[in-house]
């Protein structure tokens, strides 16, 4: 549903063994109260606007999801090094969200991209109209929890290999799709990882 591809479908796709790169920075952001604790019950942003309930989420630079997927494969991503982005395989879902880790005081605007075994985090340079690489999270071992708080359309991602993050979607439709797709792909990644527990390289698309 709504899938577009980073590359032609191949027998393998980027698998679950890729270590996370922690490079989160501040782009467009929303400030959080200094008195907030580490629990989601106290997460109250000072000026985070309530996203409009529209069927289609806003894309950077007014582009559609398909146009942005094409941009990912045809133009360089600032800060991206190492493997070719095509090795991540098919894009399953992507959208513009607000993201915060518990060590951050601000919730930053990011474009996140779900592939078969990874979640790619990109910040958005609206002046240069380009994506900036922030991190690549393995889905294997990841845990997802829906958050019920003052912030609407929010879920939490955690795991032994990643820093806990809150992700706030633009509307309920996008939230539901993220929860649905992530839960399925985490299950797939965990199954793959249990079959090949010592395989850290061969999961990449060659």
N, C-alpha and C. Protein backbone atom coordinates (compact mmCIF):
# COMPACT_ATOMS: atom_id res chain seq x y z
N UNK A 1 0.84 -1.18 0.00
CA UNK A 1 0.00 0.00 0.00
C UNK A 1 0.89 1.24 0.00
N UNK A 2 0.81 2.03 -1.08
CA UNK A 2 1.59 3.24 -1.14
C UNK A 2 3.07 3.02 -1.24
N UNK A 3 3.49 1.83 -1.69
CA UNK A 3 4.91 1.53 -1.75
C UNK A 3 5.53 2.11 -3.01
N UNK A 4 6.78 2.51 -2.87
CA UNK A 4 7.59 2.86 -4.03
C UNK A 4 8.97 2.31 -3.76
N UNK A 5 9.79 2.16 -4.76
CA UNK A 5 11.01 1.40 -4.61
C UNK A 5 12.26 2.25 -4.74
N UNK A 6 13.24 1.98 -3.88
CA UNK A 6 14.55 2.59 -4.02
C UNK A 6 15.34 1.92 -5.12
N UNK A 7 14.97 0.69 -5.46
CA UNK A 7 15.69 -0.06 -6.48
C UNK A 7 14.76 -1.13 -7.00
N UNK A 8 15.18 -1.80 -8.07
CA UNK A 8 14.40 -2.92 -8.57
C UNK A 8 14.33 -3.99 -7.51
N UNK A 9 13.19 -4.65 -7.39
CA UNK A 9 13.03 -5.69 -6.38
C UNK A 9 14.06 -6.77 -6.61
N UNK A 10 14.77 -7.15 -5.55
CA UNK A 10 15.77 -8.19 -5.64
C UNK A 10 15.50 -9.22 -4.57
N UNK A 11 16.27 -10.32 -4.63
CA UNK A 11 16.00 -11.42 -3.71
C UNK A 11 16.25 -11.03 -2.27
N UNK A 12 17.24 -10.14 -2.03
CA UNK A 12 17.53 -9.72 -0.67
C UNK A 12 17.29 -8.24 -0.54
N UNK A 13 17.17 -7.80 0.70
CA UNK A 13 17.06 -6.37 0.97
C UNK A 13 17.87 -6.09 2.20
N UNK A 14 18.07 -4.83 2.51
CA UNK A 14 18.88 -4.49 3.68
C UNK A 14 18.29 -5.15 4.90
N UNK A 15 19.09 -5.94 5.59
CA UNK A 15 18.59 -6.75 6.68
C UNK A 15 18.84 -6.13 8.03
N UNK A 16 18.62 -6.89 9.09
CA UNK A 16 18.50 -6.33 10.42
C UNK A 16 19.79 -6.07 11.17
N UNK A 17 20.94 -6.36 10.62
CA UNK A 17 22.15 -6.28 11.43
C UNK A 17 22.85 -4.96 11.43
N UNK A 18 22.38 -3.99 10.70
CA UNK A 18 23.08 -2.71 10.59
C UNK A 18 23.01 -1.94 11.90
N UNK A 19 24.17 -1.54 12.43
CA UNK A 19 24.20 -0.77 13.66
C UNK A 19 23.68 0.64 13.42
N UNK A 20 23.09 1.21 14.42
CA UNK A 20 22.54 2.56 14.32
C UNK A 20 23.67 3.57 14.37
N UNK A 21 23.54 4.64 13.60
CA UNK A 21 24.47 5.75 13.66
C UNK A 21 23.75 6.90 14.34
N UNK A 22 24.26 7.34 15.49
CA UNK A 22 23.60 8.38 16.27
C UNK A 22 24.12 9.75 15.86
N UNK A 23 23.39 10.44 15.01
CA UNK A 23 23.83 11.74 14.51
C UNK A 23 22.70 12.75 14.50
N UNK A 24 21.78 12.64 15.44
CA UNK A 24 20.64 13.54 15.40
C UNK A 24 21.05 14.97 15.66
N UNK A 25 20.54 15.87 14.82
CA UNK A 25 20.86 17.29 14.91
C UNK A 25 19.57 18.08 15.02
N UNK A 26 19.68 19.39 15.03
CA UNK A 26 18.51 20.24 15.15
C UNK A 26 18.24 20.95 13.84
N UNK A 27 17.05 20.71 13.29
CA UNK A 27 16.60 21.43 12.10
C UNK A 27 15.44 22.30 12.52
N UNK A 28 14.31 22.22 11.78
CA UNK A 28 13.11 22.86 12.30
C UNK A 28 12.73 22.14 13.58
N UNK A 29 12.41 22.86 14.61
CA UNK A 29 12.23 22.20 15.89
C UNK A 29 11.14 22.86 16.70
N UNK A 30 10.74 22.17 17.77
CA UNK A 30 9.79 22.68 18.74
C UNK A 30 10.39 22.50 20.12
N UNK A 31 10.37 23.52 20.95
CA UNK A 31 11.01 23.48 22.26
C UNK A 31 10.11 22.82 23.28
N UNK A 32 10.73 22.04 24.18
CA UNK A 32 10.00 21.34 25.23
C UNK A 32 10.34 21.98 26.57
N UNK A 33 9.44 21.86 27.50
CA UNK A 33 9.63 22.44 28.82
C UNK A 33 10.81 21.81 29.54
N UNK A 34 11.61 22.62 30.22
CA UNK A 34 12.76 22.10 30.95
C UNK A 34 12.36 21.25 32.14
N UNK A 35 11.13 21.38 32.59
CA UNK A 35 10.68 20.63 33.76
C UNK A 35 10.18 19.24 33.41
N UNK A 36 10.25 18.90 32.14
CA UNK A 36 9.72 17.60 31.72
C UNK A 36 10.60 16.47 32.22
N UNK A 37 9.98 15.38 32.60
CA UNK A 37 10.71 14.20 33.01
C UNK A 37 10.97 13.28 31.85
N UNK A 38 11.44 12.07 32.15
CA UNK A 38 11.74 11.11 31.11
C UNK A 38 10.53 10.30 30.70
N UNK A 39 9.45 10.38 31.44
CA UNK A 39 8.26 9.62 31.12
C UNK A 39 7.42 10.34 30.09
N UNK A 40 6.76 9.56 29.21
CA UNK A 40 5.92 10.17 28.19
C UNK A 40 4.74 10.92 28.80
N UNK A 41 4.40 10.63 30.05
CA UNK A 41 3.28 11.30 30.70
C UNK A 41 3.55 12.78 30.89
N UNK A 42 4.85 13.18 30.89
CA UNK A 42 5.19 14.58 31.11
C UNK A 42 5.64 15.28 29.85
N UNK A 43 5.43 14.69 28.70
CA UNK A 43 5.90 15.28 27.46
C UNK A 43 4.89 16.30 26.96
N UNK A 44 5.16 17.55 27.21
CA UNK A 44 4.26 18.62 26.79
C UNK A 44 5.07 19.69 26.07
N UNK A 45 5.05 19.74 24.73
CA UNK A 45 5.82 20.74 24.01
C UNK A 45 5.24 22.13 24.21
N UNK A 46 6.11 23.14 24.22
CA UNK A 46 5.66 24.50 24.43
C UNK A 46 4.87 25.04 23.24
N UNK A 47 5.34 24.72 22.04
CA UNK A 47 4.72 25.36 20.88
C UNK A 47 4.52 24.42 19.70
N UNK A 48 4.38 23.13 19.98
CA UNK A 48 4.13 22.17 18.91
C UNK A 48 2.70 22.30 18.43
N UNK A 49 2.47 22.69 17.17
CA UNK A 49 1.11 22.87 16.70
C UNK A 49 0.40 21.54 16.53
N UNK A 50 -0.90 21.56 16.66
CA UNK A 50 -1.69 20.35 16.42
C UNK A 50 -1.80 20.15 14.93
N UNK A 51 -1.31 19.00 14.37
CA UNK A 51 -1.35 18.79 12.92
C UNK A 51 -2.78 18.77 12.41
N UNK A 52 -2.96 19.27 11.22
CA UNK A 52 -4.28 19.27 10.60
C UNK A 52 -4.67 17.86 10.21
N UNK A 53 -5.94 17.53 10.38
CA UNK A 53 -6.43 16.21 10.03
C UNK A 53 -6.75 16.16 8.54
N UNK A 54 -5.74 15.94 7.73
CA UNK A 54 -5.94 15.81 6.29
C UNK A 54 -5.54 14.42 5.87
N UNK A 55 -6.10 13.97 4.78
CA UNK A 55 -5.84 12.60 4.32
C UNK A 55 -4.39 12.45 3.87
N UNK A 56 -3.85 13.46 3.19
CA UNK A 56 -2.48 13.40 2.70
C UNK A 56 -1.59 14.27 3.56
N UNK A 57 -0.47 13.73 4.03
CA UNK A 57 0.45 14.50 4.85
C UNK A 57 1.25 15.47 3.99
N UNK A 58 1.72 16.50 4.65
CA UNK A 58 2.56 17.48 3.97
C UNK A 58 3.91 16.87 3.65
N UNK A 59 4.42 17.09 2.45
CA UNK A 59 5.75 16.65 2.07
C UNK A 59 6.67 17.84 1.97
N UNK A 60 7.98 17.66 2.20
CA UNK A 60 8.92 18.77 2.06
C UNK A 60 8.85 19.38 0.67
N UNK A 61 8.93 20.69 0.62
CA UNK A 61 8.96 21.45 -0.64
C UNK A 61 7.72 21.21 -1.49
N UNK A 62 6.62 20.79 -0.87
CA UNK A 62 5.37 20.60 -1.59
C UNK A 62 5.36 19.42 -2.52
N UNK A 63 6.30 18.49 -2.35
CA UNK A 63 6.40 17.33 -3.25
C UNK A 63 5.61 16.15 -2.72
N UNK A 64 5.20 15.28 -3.63
CA UNK A 64 4.47 14.08 -3.25
C UNK A 64 5.44 13.03 -2.73
N UNK A 65 4.89 11.99 -2.10
CA UNK A 65 5.72 10.91 -1.58
C UNK A 65 6.51 10.23 -2.70
N UNK A 66 5.89 10.04 -3.86
CA UNK A 66 6.57 9.41 -4.98
C UNK A 66 7.71 10.29 -5.50
N UNK A 67 7.48 11.60 -5.55
CA UNK A 67 8.54 12.52 -6.00
C UNK A 67 9.71 12.53 -5.02
N UNK A 68 9.41 12.44 -3.73
CA UNK A 68 10.47 12.43 -2.74
C UNK A 68 11.26 11.13 -2.78
N UNK A 69 10.59 10.01 -3.05
CA UNK A 69 11.29 8.73 -3.20
C UNK A 69 12.25 8.79 -4.37
N UNK A 70 11.82 9.41 -5.45
CA UNK A 70 12.70 9.56 -6.61
C UNK A 70 13.88 10.47 -6.28
N UNK A 71 13.63 11.51 -5.48
CA UNK A 71 14.69 12.43 -5.08
C UNK A 71 15.75 11.70 -4.25
N UNK A 72 15.33 10.77 -3.41
CA UNK A 72 16.26 10.03 -2.57
C UNK A 72 17.26 9.23 -3.39
N UNK A 73 16.82 8.74 -4.54
CA UNK A 73 17.67 7.86 -5.34
C UNK A 73 18.43 8.59 -6.44
N UNK A 74 18.03 9.80 -6.75
CA UNK A 74 18.65 10.51 -7.87
C UNK A 74 19.53 11.68 -7.44
N UNK A 75 19.38 12.14 -6.19
CA UNK A 75 20.20 13.24 -5.71
C UNK A 75 20.92 12.83 -4.44
N UNK A 76 22.14 13.34 -4.23
CA UNK A 76 22.91 12.94 -3.05
C UNK A 76 22.26 13.41 -1.75
N UNK A 77 22.41 12.59 -0.70
CA UNK A 77 21.95 12.94 0.63
C UNK A 77 23.15 13.45 1.41
N UNK A 78 23.08 14.64 1.91
CA UNK A 78 24.20 15.23 2.63
C UNK A 78 24.55 14.38 3.85
N UNK A 79 25.84 14.05 3.99
CA UNK A 79 26.30 13.28 5.14
C UNK A 79 26.21 11.78 5.00
N UNK A 80 25.59 11.31 3.90
CA UNK A 80 25.45 9.85 3.70
C UNK A 80 26.77 9.29 3.22
N UNK A 81 27.27 8.26 3.90
CA UNK A 81 28.52 7.61 3.53
C UNK A 81 28.34 6.11 3.58
N UNK A 82 29.25 5.41 2.95
CA UNK A 82 29.21 3.95 3.00
C UNK A 82 28.39 3.35 1.88
N UNK A 83 27.52 2.41 2.24
CA UNK A 83 26.77 1.65 1.25
C UNK A 83 25.85 2.54 0.42
N UNK A 84 25.59 2.08 -0.78
CA UNK A 84 24.66 2.78 -1.66
C UNK A 84 23.27 2.71 -1.08
N UNK A 85 22.53 3.80 -1.15
CA UNK A 85 21.18 3.82 -0.57
C UNK A 85 20.26 2.79 -1.23
N UNK A 86 20.57 2.41 -2.47
CA UNK A 86 19.76 1.38 -3.14
C UNK A 86 19.81 0.05 -2.38
N UNK A 87 20.86 -0.16 -1.58
CA UNK A 87 20.99 -1.42 -0.86
C UNK A 87 19.94 -1.59 0.24
N UNK A 88 19.25 -0.52 0.58
CA UNK A 88 18.19 -0.63 1.58
C UNK A 88 16.95 -1.32 1.02
N UNK A 89 16.84 -1.39 -0.30
CA UNK A 89 15.71 -2.08 -0.91
C UNK A 89 14.49 -1.18 -1.06
N UNK A 90 13.33 -1.78 -0.96
CA UNK A 90 12.07 -1.10 -1.22
C UNK A 90 11.68 -0.12 -0.11
N UNK A 91 11.16 1.04 -0.50
CA UNK A 91 10.56 1.95 0.46
C UNK A 91 9.13 1.47 0.73
N UNK A 92 8.84 1.19 1.99
CA UNK A 92 7.52 0.70 2.37
C UNK A 92 6.61 1.86 2.77
N UNK A 93 7.16 2.82 3.51
CA UNK A 93 6.40 4.01 3.87
C UNK A 93 7.37 5.12 4.23
N UNK A 94 6.94 6.36 4.06
CA UNK A 94 7.78 7.51 4.40
C UNK A 94 6.89 8.71 4.63
N UNK A 95 7.32 9.61 5.50
CA UNK A 95 6.58 10.85 5.71
C UNK A 95 7.37 11.81 6.58
N UNK A 96 6.88 13.03 6.62
CA UNK A 96 7.45 14.08 7.45
C UNK A 96 6.85 13.99 8.85
N UNK A 97 7.71 13.96 9.87
CA UNK A 97 7.26 13.82 11.25
C UNK A 97 8.06 14.77 12.14
N UNK A 98 7.66 14.84 13.41
CA UNK A 98 8.48 15.49 14.42
C UNK A 98 9.06 14.39 15.31
N UNK A 99 10.36 14.48 15.60
CA UNK A 99 11.07 13.42 16.33
C UNK A 99 11.81 14.01 17.50
N UNK A 100 11.80 13.27 18.60
CA UNK A 100 12.55 13.68 19.78
C UNK A 100 13.10 12.46 20.50
N UNK A 101 14.38 12.50 20.87
CA UNK A 101 14.95 11.50 21.77
C UNK A 101 14.88 12.06 23.18
N UNK A 102 14.98 11.21 24.18
CA UNK A 102 14.81 11.67 25.56
C UNK A 102 15.95 12.56 26.03
N UNK A 103 17.07 12.58 25.33
CA UNK A 103 18.17 13.45 25.72
C UNK A 103 18.08 14.82 25.05
N UNK A 104 17.06 15.03 24.21
CA UNK A 104 16.90 16.29 23.49
C UNK A 104 15.82 17.15 24.15
N UNK A 105 16.02 18.45 24.11
CA UNK A 105 15.01 19.37 24.63
C UNK A 105 14.05 19.82 23.55
N UNK A 106 14.37 19.53 22.31
CA UNK A 106 13.53 19.99 21.21
C UNK A 106 13.07 18.82 20.36
N UNK A 107 11.90 18.97 19.80
CA UNK A 107 11.36 17.99 18.87
C UNK A 107 11.65 18.51 17.46
N UNK A 108 12.42 17.76 16.69
CA UNK A 108 12.92 18.23 15.40
C UNK A 108 12.11 17.65 14.24
N UNK A 109 11.97 18.42 13.22
CA UNK A 109 11.30 17.97 12.00
C UNK A 109 12.24 17.03 11.24
N UNK A 110 11.75 15.85 10.92
CA UNK A 110 12.54 14.86 10.18
C UNK A 110 11.68 14.19 9.12
N UNK A 111 12.33 13.68 8.10
CA UNK A 111 11.66 12.84 7.11
C UNK A 111 12.17 11.43 7.35
N UNK A 112 11.27 10.51 7.71
CA UNK A 112 11.69 9.15 8.02
C UNK A 112 11.20 8.20 6.93
N UNK A 113 12.05 7.23 6.64
CA UNK A 113 11.82 6.32 5.51
C UNK A 113 11.94 4.88 5.99
N UNK A 114 10.89 4.10 5.84
CA UNK A 114 10.88 2.70 6.26
C UNK A 114 11.20 1.79 5.09
N UNK A 115 12.24 0.97 5.25
CA UNK A 115 12.54 -0.08 4.28
C UNK A 115 12.34 -1.42 4.97
N UNK A 116 12.70 -2.49 4.31
CA UNK A 116 12.39 -3.82 4.84
C UNK A 116 12.98 -4.08 6.21
N UNK A 117 14.21 -3.60 6.46
CA UNK A 117 14.90 -3.92 7.69
C UNK A 117 15.46 -2.72 8.44
N UNK A 118 15.18 -1.52 7.94
CA UNK A 118 15.75 -0.32 8.57
C UNK A 118 14.75 0.84 8.56
N UNK A 119 14.99 1.77 9.47
CA UNK A 119 14.30 3.05 9.46
C UNK A 119 15.35 4.14 9.26
N UNK A 120 15.26 4.81 8.13
CA UNK A 120 16.21 5.87 7.78
C UNK A 120 15.68 7.21 8.28
N UNK A 121 16.52 7.96 8.99
CA UNK A 121 16.14 9.26 9.54
C UNK A 121 16.90 10.36 8.80
N UNK A 122 16.15 11.31 8.25
CA UNK A 122 16.73 12.41 7.51
C UNK A 122 16.18 13.73 8.04
N UNK A 123 17.04 14.71 8.19
CA UNK A 123 16.54 16.05 8.45
C UNK A 123 16.34 16.74 7.11
N UNK A 124 15.64 17.86 7.13
CA UNK A 124 15.24 18.53 5.90
C UNK A 124 15.87 19.92 5.84
N UNK A 125 16.72 20.14 4.86
CA UNK A 125 17.29 21.46 4.63
C UNK A 125 16.37 22.18 3.64
N UNK A 126 15.50 23.02 4.16
CA UNK A 126 14.51 23.67 3.31
C UNK A 126 15.11 24.77 2.45
N UNK A 127 16.26 25.32 2.84
CA UNK A 127 16.90 26.35 2.04
C UNK A 127 17.55 25.76 0.80
N UNK A 128 18.31 24.68 1.00
CA UNK A 128 19.00 24.03 -0.12
C UNK A 128 18.13 22.98 -0.81
N UNK A 129 16.94 22.72 -0.23
CA UNK A 129 16.02 21.72 -0.76
C UNK A 129 16.71 20.37 -0.93
N UNK A 130 17.26 19.88 0.19
CA UNK A 130 17.93 18.58 0.17
C UNK A 130 17.76 17.91 1.52
N UNK A 131 17.96 16.58 1.53
CA UNK A 131 17.91 15.81 2.76
C UNK A 131 19.30 15.72 3.38
N UNK A 132 19.34 15.64 4.71
CA UNK A 132 20.59 15.49 5.45
C UNK A 132 20.49 14.21 6.28
N UNK A 133 21.46 13.32 6.13
CA UNK A 133 21.46 12.04 6.83
C UNK A 133 21.64 12.24 8.33
N UNK A 134 20.78 11.57 9.13
CA UNK A 134 20.84 11.66 10.58
C UNK A 134 21.04 10.32 11.25
N UNK A 135 20.58 9.25 10.66
CA UNK A 135 20.75 7.95 11.29
C UNK A 135 20.02 6.84 10.56
N UNK A 136 20.45 5.60 10.82
CA UNK A 136 19.84 4.42 10.21
C UNK A 136 19.60 3.41 11.33
N UNK A 137 18.34 3.17 11.65
CA UNK A 137 17.99 2.30 12.78
C UNK A 137 17.62 0.91 12.31
N UNK A 138 18.21 -0.13 12.90
CA UNK A 138 17.80 -1.50 12.57
C UNK A 138 16.45 -1.82 13.17
N UNK A 139 15.60 -2.50 12.43
CA UNK A 139 14.28 -2.86 12.94
C UNK A 139 14.33 -4.07 13.86
N UNK A 140 15.30 -4.97 13.64
CA UNK A 140 15.41 -6.15 14.49
C UNK A 140 15.67 -5.74 15.93
N UNK A 141 14.86 -6.23 16.84
CA UNK A 141 15.00 -5.89 18.25
C UNK A 141 14.31 -4.60 18.64
N UNK A 142 13.73 -3.88 17.67
CA UNK A 142 13.04 -2.63 17.97
C UNK A 142 11.69 -2.91 18.62
N UNK A 143 11.29 -2.03 19.53
CA UNK A 143 9.98 -2.12 20.17
C UNK A 143 9.18 -0.85 19.86
N UNK A 144 7.90 -1.01 19.60
CA UNK A 144 7.03 0.12 19.30
C UNK A 144 5.93 0.19 20.35
N UNK A 145 5.66 1.39 20.83
CA UNK A 145 4.60 1.58 21.82
C UNK A 145 3.82 2.85 21.48
N UNK A 146 2.51 2.72 21.39
CA UNK A 146 1.68 3.89 21.16
C UNK A 146 1.61 4.73 22.43
N UNK A 147 1.70 6.05 22.27
CA UNK A 147 1.72 6.96 23.40
C UNK A 147 0.39 7.68 23.52
N UNK A 148 -0.19 7.63 24.70
CA UNK A 148 -1.42 8.37 24.99
C UNK A 148 -1.03 9.53 25.91
N UNK A 149 -1.02 10.73 25.37
CA UNK A 149 -0.62 11.91 26.14
C UNK A 149 -1.22 13.15 25.50
N UNK A 150 -0.72 14.31 25.92
CA UNK A 150 -1.22 15.57 25.36
C UNK A 150 -0.81 15.73 23.90
N UNK A 151 0.17 14.97 23.47
CA UNK A 151 0.64 15.04 22.08
C UNK A 151 -0.11 14.01 21.26
N UNK A 152 -0.80 14.43 20.24
CA UNK A 152 -1.57 13.51 19.42
C UNK A 152 -0.69 12.76 18.42
N UNK A 153 -1.15 11.57 18.01
CA UNK A 153 -0.54 10.81 16.92
C UNK A 153 0.94 10.50 17.18
N UNK A 154 1.25 10.03 18.38
CA UNK A 154 2.64 9.82 18.78
C UNK A 154 2.89 8.38 19.17
N UNK A 155 4.06 7.86 18.77
CA UNK A 155 4.49 6.55 19.23
C UNK A 155 5.95 6.61 19.63
N UNK A 156 6.35 5.60 20.39
CA UNK A 156 7.71 5.52 20.91
C UNK A 156 8.43 4.33 20.29
N UNK A 157 9.68 4.54 19.90
CA UNK A 157 10.53 3.46 19.40
C UNK A 157 11.68 3.28 20.37
N UNK A 158 11.96 2.05 20.76
CA UNK A 158 13.05 1.75 21.68
C UNK A 158 13.64 0.39 21.32
N UNK A 159 14.74 0.04 21.99
CA UNK A 159 15.38 -1.23 21.74
C UNK A 159 16.78 -1.23 22.30
N UNK A 160 17.38 -2.40 22.36
CA UNK A 160 18.72 -2.52 22.95
C UNK A 160 19.79 -1.86 22.10
N UNK A 161 19.54 -1.71 20.79
CA UNK A 161 20.54 -1.14 19.90
C UNK A 161 20.27 0.31 19.54
N UNK A 162 19.19 0.88 20.02
CA UNK A 162 18.86 2.25 19.62
C UNK A 162 18.45 3.09 20.83
N UNK A 163 18.64 4.38 20.69
CA UNK A 163 18.18 5.32 21.70
C UNK A 163 16.66 5.49 21.57
N UNK A 164 15.97 5.55 22.69
CA UNK A 164 14.51 5.71 22.67
C UNK A 164 14.13 7.03 22.03
N UNK A 165 13.14 6.99 21.16
CA UNK A 165 12.68 8.18 20.45
C UNK A 165 11.16 8.26 20.45
N UNK A 166 10.65 9.47 20.48
CA UNK A 166 9.24 9.73 20.27
C UNK A 166 9.06 10.28 18.86
N UNK A 167 8.05 9.80 18.17
CA UNK A 167 7.75 10.27 16.82
C UNK A 167 6.31 10.74 16.78
N UNK A 168 6.12 11.98 16.39
CA UNK A 168 4.80 12.59 16.30
C UNK A 168 4.42 12.76 14.83
N UNK A 169 3.35 12.10 14.41
CA UNK A 169 2.91 12.14 13.02
C UNK A 169 2.00 13.35 12.78
N UNK A 170 1.81 13.68 11.50
CA UNK A 170 1.02 14.86 11.15
C UNK A 170 -0.47 14.68 11.39
N UNK A 171 -0.95 13.45 11.27
CA UNK A 171 -2.38 13.21 11.48
C UNK A 171 -2.61 11.75 11.84
N UNK A 172 -3.84 11.41 12.16
CA UNK A 172 -4.16 10.06 12.62
C UNK A 172 -3.98 9.01 11.52
N UNK A 173 -4.24 9.39 10.28
CA UNK A 173 -4.09 8.43 9.17
C UNK A 173 -2.63 8.03 9.02
N UNK A 174 -1.72 9.01 9.04
CA UNK A 174 -0.29 8.72 8.92
C UNK A 174 0.20 7.93 10.13
N UNK A 175 -0.29 8.28 11.32
CA UNK A 175 0.06 7.55 12.53
C UNK A 175 -0.34 6.08 12.41
N UNK A 176 -1.55 5.82 11.98
CA UNK A 176 -2.03 4.44 11.87
C UNK A 176 -1.21 3.64 10.86
N UNK A 177 -0.83 4.28 9.76
CA UNK A 177 -0.03 3.59 8.75
C UNK A 177 1.38 3.28 9.28
N UNK A 178 1.96 4.23 10.00
CA UNK A 178 3.28 3.97 10.56
C UNK A 178 3.24 2.82 11.57
N UNK A 179 2.26 2.82 12.44
CA UNK A 179 2.16 1.76 13.44
C UNK A 179 1.95 0.41 12.75
N UNK A 180 1.09 0.38 11.76
CA UNK A 180 0.81 -0.86 11.03
C UNK A 180 2.05 -1.38 10.32
N UNK A 181 2.71 -0.52 9.54
CA UNK A 181 3.87 -0.96 8.77
C UNK A 181 5.05 -1.31 9.67
N UNK A 182 5.29 -0.51 10.70
CA UNK A 182 6.42 -0.78 11.58
C UNK A 182 6.25 -2.10 12.33
N UNK A 183 5.06 -2.34 12.84
CA UNK A 183 4.85 -3.59 13.57
C UNK A 183 5.09 -4.80 12.68
N UNK A 184 4.62 -4.71 11.44
CA UNK A 184 4.82 -5.82 10.51
C UNK A 184 6.29 -6.01 10.17
N UNK A 185 6.99 -4.91 9.85
CA UNK A 185 8.38 -5.03 9.44
C UNK A 185 9.30 -5.40 10.60
N UNK A 186 8.97 -4.97 11.81
CA UNK A 186 9.74 -5.40 12.98
C UNK A 186 9.62 -6.90 13.16
N UNK A 187 8.42 -7.43 12.98
CA UNK A 187 8.20 -8.87 13.08
C UNK A 187 9.01 -9.62 12.01
N UNK A 188 9.01 -9.09 10.78
CA UNK A 188 9.77 -9.70 9.69
C UNK A 188 11.27 -9.66 10.00
N UNK A 189 11.75 -8.51 10.46
CA UNK A 189 13.18 -8.35 10.76
C UNK A 189 13.62 -9.27 11.89
N UNK A 190 12.79 -9.41 12.91
CA UNK A 190 13.12 -10.30 14.02
C UNK A 190 13.19 -11.75 13.57
N UNK A 191 12.28 -12.15 12.70
CA UNK A 191 12.28 -13.51 12.18
C UNK A 191 13.53 -13.76 11.35
N UNK A 192 13.90 -12.79 10.53
CA UNK A 192 15.10 -12.91 9.70
C UNK A 192 16.34 -13.00 10.58
N UNK A 193 16.39 -12.16 11.60
CA UNK A 193 17.54 -12.12 12.49
C UNK A 193 17.71 -13.42 13.25
N UNK A 194 16.60 -14.04 13.65
CA UNK A 194 16.68 -15.30 14.40
C UNK A 194 17.16 -16.45 13.53
N UNK A 195 16.90 -16.36 12.24
CA UNK A 195 17.36 -17.39 11.30
C UNK A 195 18.84 -17.22 10.99
N UNK A 196 19.29 -15.97 10.90
CA UNK A 196 20.68 -15.67 10.58
C UNK A 196 21.28 -14.75 11.64
N UNK A 197 21.45 -15.25 12.87
CA UNK A 197 21.89 -14.39 13.98
C UNK A 197 23.28 -13.84 13.83
N UNK A 198 24.16 -14.51 13.08
CA UNK A 198 25.55 -14.06 12.95
C UNK A 198 25.85 -13.40 11.62
N UNK A 199 24.80 -13.14 10.84
CA UNK A 199 24.99 -12.58 9.50
C UNK A 199 24.80 -11.07 9.57
N UNK A 200 25.88 -10.31 9.51
CA UNK A 200 25.82 -8.86 9.64
C UNK A 200 26.05 -8.13 8.33
N UNK A 201 26.43 -8.84 7.28
CA UNK A 201 26.78 -8.19 6.02
C UNK A 201 25.89 -8.63 4.86
N UNK A 202 25.57 -9.92 4.78
CA UNK A 202 24.94 -10.45 3.58
C UNK A 202 23.51 -9.99 3.41
N UNK A 203 22.95 -9.31 4.41
CA UNK A 203 21.57 -8.84 4.26
C UNK A 203 21.48 -7.65 3.32
N UNK A 204 22.57 -7.01 3.01
CA UNK A 204 22.53 -5.83 2.13
C UNK A 204 22.33 -6.27 0.68
N UNK A 205 21.56 -5.50 -0.06
CA UNK A 205 21.36 -5.78 -1.47
C UNK A 205 22.65 -5.45 -2.19
N UNK A 206 23.16 -6.38 -2.97
CA UNK A 206 24.43 -6.13 -3.67
C UNK A 206 24.18 -5.34 -4.94
